[in-house]
Amino acid sequence: MKSFAAPVLALAAVAHLADAHGRLVSPPHRGYIGKLPQYKGLVPINYSDNGLSAGGIGQTSGGKNGICGDPYTGVREHETGGVYGRFPQHREKVVGACYAPGSTIGVQVQLTANH
């Protein structure tokens, strides 16, 4: 167990330096939903859904980020009412999953680039 703990601690110490691309797959975030078979043709596909960064570190407003990775001061395409936040045909909200308040959920994150 000791041989496993040291590398994990070392990795945790430098984790803040990571510059990766990824997406929340489960529950699916709004930018990813259009890629799922059950939503094909119903929700627009965001081909850069793995690179949302709220506009980048230099673009955040005092550490604030827009919901769903959108820039805080920019267009909120992934929020309710945005391009990926509503079904275009009938303007209903796009919701990836629903959970009871206080429930414990499992999540799945997909890393697509580790540069």
N, C-alpha and C. Protein backbone atom coordinates (compact mmCIF):
# COMPACT_ATOMS: atom_id res chain seq x y z
N MET A 1 0.82 -1.19 0.00
CA MET A 1 0.00 0.00 0.00
C MET A 1 0.86 1.25 0.00
N LYS A 2 2.02 1.24 0.70
CA LYS A 2 2.88 2.41 0.75
C LYS A 2 3.41 2.77 -0.63
N SER A 3 3.73 1.76 -1.44
CA SER A 3 4.27 2.04 -2.77
C SER A 3 3.22 2.68 -3.67
N PHE A 4 1.97 2.46 -3.39
CA PHE A 4 0.89 3.05 -4.17
C PHE A 4 0.59 4.48 -3.71
N ALA A 5 0.71 4.74 -2.43
CA ALA A 5 0.36 6.05 -1.87
C ALA A 5 1.29 7.16 -2.35
N ALA A 6 2.57 6.90 -2.47
CA ALA A 6 3.52 7.95 -2.87
C ALA A 6 3.24 8.48 -4.28
N PRO A 7 3.05 7.61 -5.29
CA PRO A 7 2.74 8.15 -6.62
C PRO A 7 1.41 8.90 -6.67
N VAL A 8 0.43 8.43 -5.92
CA VAL A 8 -0.87 9.10 -5.90
C VAL A 8 -0.73 10.49 -5.30
N LEU A 9 0.02 10.61 -4.22
CA LEU A 9 0.25 11.92 -3.61
C LEU A 9 1.02 12.84 -4.54
N ALA A 10 2.00 12.30 -5.24
CA ALA A 10 2.76 13.11 -6.19
C ALA A 10 1.87 13.60 -7.32
N LEU A 11 1.01 12.75 -7.81
CA LEU A 11 0.08 13.13 -8.87
C LEU A 11 -0.88 14.21 -8.38
N ALA A 12 -1.38 14.06 -7.18
CA ALA A 12 -2.30 15.05 -6.62
C ALA A 12 -1.63 16.40 -6.45
N ALA A 13 -0.34 16.40 -6.15
CA ALA A 13 0.39 17.65 -5.96
C ALA A 13 0.52 18.46 -7.24
N VAL A 14 0.58 17.79 -8.39
CA VAL A 14 0.73 18.50 -9.66
C VAL A 14 -0.57 18.53 -10.47
N ALA A 15 -1.65 18.02 -9.92
CA ALA A 15 -2.90 17.95 -10.67
C ALA A 15 -3.41 19.32 -11.08
N HIS A 16 -3.12 20.33 -10.29
CA HIS A 16 -3.59 21.67 -10.62
C HIS A 16 -2.91 22.22 -11.87
N LEU A 17 -1.87 21.57 -12.35
CA LEU A 17 -1.17 22.01 -13.54
C LEU A 17 -1.72 21.38 -14.82
N ALA A 18 -2.72 20.54 -14.70
CA ALA A 18 -3.27 19.84 -15.86
C ALA A 18 -3.93 20.81 -16.83
N ASP A 19 -3.76 20.56 -18.11
CA ASP A 19 -4.40 21.35 -19.16
C ASP A 19 -5.01 20.35 -20.13
N ALA A 20 -6.15 19.82 -19.75
CA ALA A 20 -6.74 18.72 -20.51
C ALA A 20 -8.07 19.14 -21.13
N HIS A 21 -8.52 18.35 -22.08
CA HIS A 21 -9.86 18.49 -22.64
C HIS A 21 -10.68 17.30 -22.18
N GLY A 22 -11.94 17.50 -21.94
CA GLY A 22 -12.80 16.41 -21.51
C GLY A 22 -14.24 16.84 -21.49
N ARG A 23 -15.09 15.88 -21.16
CA ARG A 23 -16.53 16.16 -21.12
C ARG A 23 -17.17 15.30 -20.03
N LEU A 24 -18.29 15.78 -19.53
CA LEU A 24 -19.09 15.02 -18.59
C LEU A 24 -20.03 14.15 -19.41
N VAL A 25 -19.84 12.85 -19.33
CA VAL A 25 -20.60 11.89 -20.13
C VAL A 25 -21.84 11.39 -19.40
N SER A 26 -21.73 11.19 -18.11
CA SER A 26 -22.86 10.72 -17.32
C SER A 26 -22.86 11.43 -15.98
N PRO A 27 -23.87 12.21 -15.70
CA PRO A 27 -24.96 12.60 -16.58
C PRO A 27 -24.42 13.45 -17.74
N PRO A 28 -25.02 13.34 -18.90
CA PRO A 28 -24.48 14.06 -20.06
C PRO A 28 -24.72 15.57 -19.95
N HIS A 29 -23.68 16.34 -20.23
CA HIS A 29 -23.87 17.79 -20.23
C HIS A 29 -24.54 18.21 -21.54
N ARG A 30 -25.11 19.40 -21.56
CA ARG A 30 -25.92 19.83 -22.71
C ARG A 30 -25.14 19.86 -24.02
N GLY A 31 -23.86 20.18 -23.96
CA GLY A 31 -23.07 20.20 -25.18
C GLY A 31 -22.81 18.82 -25.75
N TYR A 32 -22.95 17.79 -24.94
CA TYR A 32 -22.70 16.40 -25.35
C TYR A 32 -23.98 15.68 -25.77
N ILE A 33 -25.12 16.13 -25.29
CA ILE A 33 -26.38 15.42 -25.51
C ILE A 33 -26.67 15.21 -26.99
N GLY A 34 -26.37 16.17 -27.84
CA GLY A 34 -26.65 16.04 -29.27
C GLY A 34 -25.90 14.92 -29.94
N LYS A 35 -24.85 14.40 -29.30
CA LYS A 35 -24.08 13.28 -29.86
C LYS A 35 -24.67 11.92 -29.49
N LEU A 36 -25.60 11.91 -28.56
CA LEU A 36 -26.19 10.64 -28.12
C LEU A 36 -27.24 10.18 -29.12
N PRO A 37 -27.30 8.87 -29.40
CA PRO A 37 -28.23 8.35 -30.41
C PRO A 37 -29.69 8.73 -30.16
N GLN A 38 -30.13 8.72 -28.91
CA GLN A 38 -31.54 9.01 -28.62
C GLN A 38 -31.91 10.47 -28.87
N TYR A 39 -30.92 11.35 -29.02
CA TYR A 39 -31.19 12.77 -29.28
C TYR A 39 -30.79 13.18 -30.69
N LYS A 40 -30.37 12.23 -31.52
CA LYS A 40 -29.91 12.54 -32.87
C LYS A 40 -31.01 13.27 -33.65
N GLY A 41 -30.67 14.40 -34.21
CA GLY A 41 -31.61 15.19 -34.98
C GLY A 41 -32.54 16.05 -34.14
N LEU A 42 -32.53 15.87 -32.82
CA LEU A 42 -33.40 16.65 -31.94
C LEU A 42 -32.69 17.82 -31.30
N VAL A 43 -31.41 17.63 -31.01
CA VAL A 43 -30.60 18.65 -30.35
C VAL A 43 -29.38 18.91 -31.22
N PRO A 44 -28.99 20.17 -31.42
CA PRO A 44 -27.80 20.44 -32.22
C PRO A 44 -26.56 19.77 -31.62
N ILE A 45 -25.65 19.36 -32.48
CA ILE A 45 -24.40 18.74 -32.03
C ILE A 45 -23.36 19.82 -31.81
N ASN A 46 -22.72 19.79 -30.66
CA ASN A 46 -21.61 20.69 -30.37
C ASN A 46 -20.33 19.90 -30.62
N TYR A 47 -19.64 20.20 -31.69
CA TYR A 47 -18.46 19.43 -32.05
C TYR A 47 -17.24 19.79 -31.21
N SER A 48 -17.32 20.83 -30.40
CA SER A 48 -16.21 21.17 -29.51
C SER A 48 -16.65 21.12 -28.05
N ASP A 49 -17.53 20.18 -27.74
CA ASP A 49 -18.06 20.06 -26.38
C ASP A 49 -17.02 19.64 -25.35
N ASN A 50 -15.88 19.17 -25.81
CA ASN A 50 -14.83 18.73 -24.88
C ASN A 50 -13.84 19.85 -24.57
N GLY A 51 -14.07 21.04 -25.07
CA GLY A 51 -13.13 22.13 -24.85
C GLY A 51 -13.73 23.36 -24.19
N LEU A 52 -14.86 23.22 -23.52
CA LEU A 52 -15.47 24.36 -22.85
C LEU A 52 -14.62 24.76 -21.65
N SER A 53 -14.32 26.05 -21.55
CA SER A 53 -13.45 26.49 -20.45
C SER A 53 -13.88 27.83 -19.88
N ALA A 54 -15.12 28.19 -20.05
CA ALA A 54 -15.64 29.46 -19.55
C ALA A 54 -14.86 30.64 -20.11
N GLY A 55 -14.24 30.48 -21.25
CA GLY A 55 -13.48 31.55 -21.86
C GLY A 55 -12.01 31.54 -21.49
N GLY A 56 -11.61 30.62 -20.62
CA GLY A 56 -10.21 30.54 -20.20
C GLY A 56 -9.96 31.31 -18.92
N ILE A 57 -8.84 31.01 -18.28
CA ILE A 57 -8.52 31.63 -16.99
C ILE A 57 -8.50 33.14 -17.08
N GLY A 58 -7.93 33.68 -18.14
CA GLY A 58 -7.84 35.13 -18.29
C GLY A 58 -9.16 35.80 -18.61
N GLN A 59 -10.17 35.04 -18.96
CA GLN A 59 -11.45 35.60 -19.37
C GLN A 59 -12.53 35.52 -18.29
N THR A 60 -12.25 34.86 -17.19
CA THR A 60 -13.27 34.76 -16.15
C THR A 60 -13.39 36.09 -15.42
N SER A 61 -14.52 36.35 -14.85
CA SER A 61 -14.78 37.60 -14.13
C SER A 61 -14.62 37.37 -12.64
N GLY A 62 -13.43 37.62 -12.14
CA GLY A 62 -13.19 37.43 -10.72
C GLY A 62 -13.35 35.99 -10.28
N GLY A 63 -12.99 35.06 -11.15
CA GLY A 63 -13.11 33.65 -10.81
C GLY A 63 -14.48 33.07 -11.09
N LYS A 64 -15.40 33.87 -11.59
CA LYS A 64 -16.74 33.37 -11.91
C LYS A 64 -16.73 32.72 -13.28
N ASN A 65 -17.49 31.67 -13.42
CA ASN A 65 -17.65 30.99 -14.71
C ASN A 65 -19.13 30.93 -15.05
N GLY A 66 -19.41 30.92 -16.34
CA GLY A 66 -20.78 30.69 -16.76
C GLY A 66 -21.16 29.25 -16.48
N ILE A 67 -22.44 29.00 -16.33
CA ILE A 67 -22.91 27.63 -16.13
C ILE A 67 -22.59 26.82 -17.37
N CYS A 68 -22.24 25.59 -17.20
CA CYS A 68 -21.99 24.65 -18.29
C CYS A 68 -20.77 25.00 -19.14
N GLY A 69 -19.84 25.78 -18.61
CA GLY A 69 -18.60 26.08 -19.33
C GLY A 69 -18.66 27.27 -20.24
N ASP A 70 -19.78 27.96 -20.31
CA ASP A 70 -19.88 29.15 -21.15
C ASP A 70 -19.13 30.31 -20.49
N PRO A 71 -18.60 31.25 -21.28
CA PRO A 71 -17.95 32.42 -20.70
C PRO A 71 -18.94 33.20 -19.83
N TYR A 72 -18.47 33.70 -18.70
CA TYR A 72 -19.33 34.41 -17.75
C TYR A 72 -19.96 35.65 -18.38
N THR A 73 -19.19 36.37 -19.18
CA THR A 73 -19.69 37.61 -19.77
C THR A 73 -20.12 37.44 -21.23
N GLY A 74 -20.10 36.22 -21.74
CA GLY A 74 -20.43 35.99 -23.15
C GLY A 74 -21.78 35.34 -23.34
N VAL A 75 -21.99 34.85 -24.54
CA VAL A 75 -23.24 34.16 -24.88
C VAL A 75 -23.30 32.84 -24.12
N ARG A 76 -24.43 32.54 -23.55
CA ARG A 76 -24.61 31.33 -22.73
C ARG A 76 -25.31 30.25 -23.55
N GLU A 77 -24.59 29.65 -24.50
CA GLU A 77 -25.18 28.67 -25.41
C GLU A 77 -25.63 27.39 -24.74
N HIS A 78 -25.03 27.04 -23.60
CA HIS A 78 -25.35 25.76 -22.96
C HIS A 78 -26.35 25.89 -21.82
N GLU A 79 -26.77 27.09 -21.51
CA GLU A 79 -27.77 27.28 -20.47
C GLU A 79 -29.17 27.15 -21.04
N THR A 80 -30.16 27.10 -20.16
CA THR A 80 -31.55 27.05 -20.60
C THR A 80 -31.82 28.23 -21.51
N GLY A 81 -32.36 27.96 -22.67
CA GLY A 81 -32.64 29.01 -23.64
C GLY A 81 -31.55 29.18 -24.68
N GLY A 82 -30.37 28.61 -24.43
CA GLY A 82 -29.27 28.70 -25.37
C GLY A 82 -29.41 27.68 -26.49
N VAL A 83 -28.48 27.71 -27.42
CA VAL A 83 -28.50 26.80 -28.58
C VAL A 83 -28.62 25.34 -28.15
N TYR A 84 -27.86 24.94 -27.13
CA TYR A 84 -27.85 23.55 -26.69
C TYR A 84 -28.75 23.32 -25.48
N GLY A 85 -29.43 24.36 -25.01
CA GLY A 85 -30.27 24.26 -23.82
C GLY A 85 -31.74 24.01 -24.08
N ARG A 86 -32.14 24.03 -25.36
CA ARG A 86 -33.55 23.80 -25.70
C ARG A 86 -33.65 22.96 -26.97
N PHE A 87 -34.71 22.16 -27.05
CA PHE A 87 -35.00 21.44 -28.28
C PHE A 87 -35.48 22.47 -29.30
N PRO A 88 -34.87 22.56 -30.49
CA PRO A 88 -35.26 23.59 -31.46
C PRO A 88 -36.71 23.50 -31.91
N GLN A 89 -37.26 22.29 -32.01
CA GLN A 89 -38.61 22.13 -32.55
C GLN A 89 -39.69 22.72 -31.66
N HIS A 90 -39.62 22.46 -30.35
CA HIS A 90 -40.69 22.90 -29.46
C HIS A 90 -40.20 23.71 -28.28
N ARG A 91 -38.92 24.07 -28.27
CA ARG A 91 -38.31 24.97 -27.27
C ARG A 91 -38.38 24.46 -25.84
N GLU A 92 -38.55 23.17 -25.63
CA GLU A 92 -38.53 22.60 -24.29
C GLU A 92 -37.09 22.49 -23.81
N LYS A 93 -36.90 22.51 -22.49
CA LYS A 93 -35.56 22.41 -21.91
C LYS A 93 -34.93 21.06 -22.21
N VAL A 94 -33.63 21.10 -22.48
CA VAL A 94 -32.85 19.87 -22.62
C VAL A 94 -32.26 19.56 -21.24
N VAL A 95 -32.59 18.40 -20.70
CA VAL A 95 -32.11 18.00 -19.39
C VAL A 95 -31.45 16.64 -19.53
N GLY A 96 -30.19 16.54 -19.09
CA GLY A 96 -29.44 15.30 -19.21
C GLY A 96 -29.89 14.22 -18.25
N ALA A 97 -30.30 14.60 -17.04
CA ALA A 97 -30.74 13.64 -16.03
C ALA A 97 -31.41 14.41 -14.89
N CYS A 98 -32.21 13.72 -14.12
CA CYS A 98 -32.87 14.31 -12.95
C CYS A 98 -32.56 13.46 -11.73
N TYR A 99 -32.35 14.11 -10.61
CA TYR A 99 -32.02 13.41 -9.37
C TYR A 99 -32.78 14.04 -8.22
N ALA A 100 -33.05 13.23 -7.20
CA ALA A 100 -33.69 13.73 -5.99
C ALA A 100 -32.69 14.58 -5.21
N PRO A 101 -33.15 15.66 -4.59
CA PRO A 101 -32.23 16.49 -3.79
C PRO A 101 -31.53 15.66 -2.72
N GLY A 102 -30.24 15.85 -2.59
CA GLY A 102 -29.46 15.15 -1.58
C GLY A 102 -29.03 13.76 -1.96
N SER A 103 -29.42 13.29 -3.14
CA SER A 103 -29.05 11.93 -3.53
C SER A 103 -27.59 11.86 -3.95
N THR A 104 -27.04 10.68 -3.85
CA THR A 104 -25.68 10.41 -4.30
C THR A 104 -25.76 9.89 -5.72
N ILE A 105 -24.94 10.46 -6.60
CA ILE A 105 -24.98 10.04 -8.00
C ILE A 105 -23.60 9.60 -8.46
N GLY A 106 -23.58 8.76 -9.46
CA GLY A 106 -22.33 8.39 -10.10
C GLY A 106 -22.11 9.30 -11.30
N VAL A 107 -20.88 9.65 -11.56
CA VAL A 107 -20.57 10.47 -12.73
C VAL A 107 -19.49 9.78 -13.56
N GLN A 108 -19.48 10.10 -14.83
CA GLN A 108 -18.45 9.58 -15.74
C GLN A 108 -17.89 10.75 -16.52
N VAL A 109 -16.58 10.93 -16.43
CA VAL A 109 -15.88 12.00 -17.14
C VAL A 109 -14.99 11.35 -18.19
N GLN A 110 -15.02 11.88 -19.39
CA GLN A 110 -14.18 11.36 -20.48
C GLN A 110 -13.12 12.41 -20.80
N LEU A 111 -11.84 12.05 -20.62
CA LEU A 111 -10.74 12.94 -21.01
C LEU A 111 -10.38 12.64 -22.45
N THR A 112 -10.31 13.67 -23.28
CA THR A 112 -10.07 13.47 -24.70
C THR A 112 -8.70 13.95 -25.15
N ALA A 113 -8.03 14.75 -24.35
CA ALA A 113 -6.66 15.20 -24.65
C ALA A 113 -5.99 15.55 -23.33
N ASN A 114 -4.74 15.20 -23.21
CA ASN A 114 -4.03 15.44 -21.95
C ASN A 114 -2.80 16.32 -22.15
N HIS A 115 -2.93 17.33 -22.95
CA HIS A 115 -1.77 18.18 -23.25
C HIS A 115 -1.59 19.27 -22.25
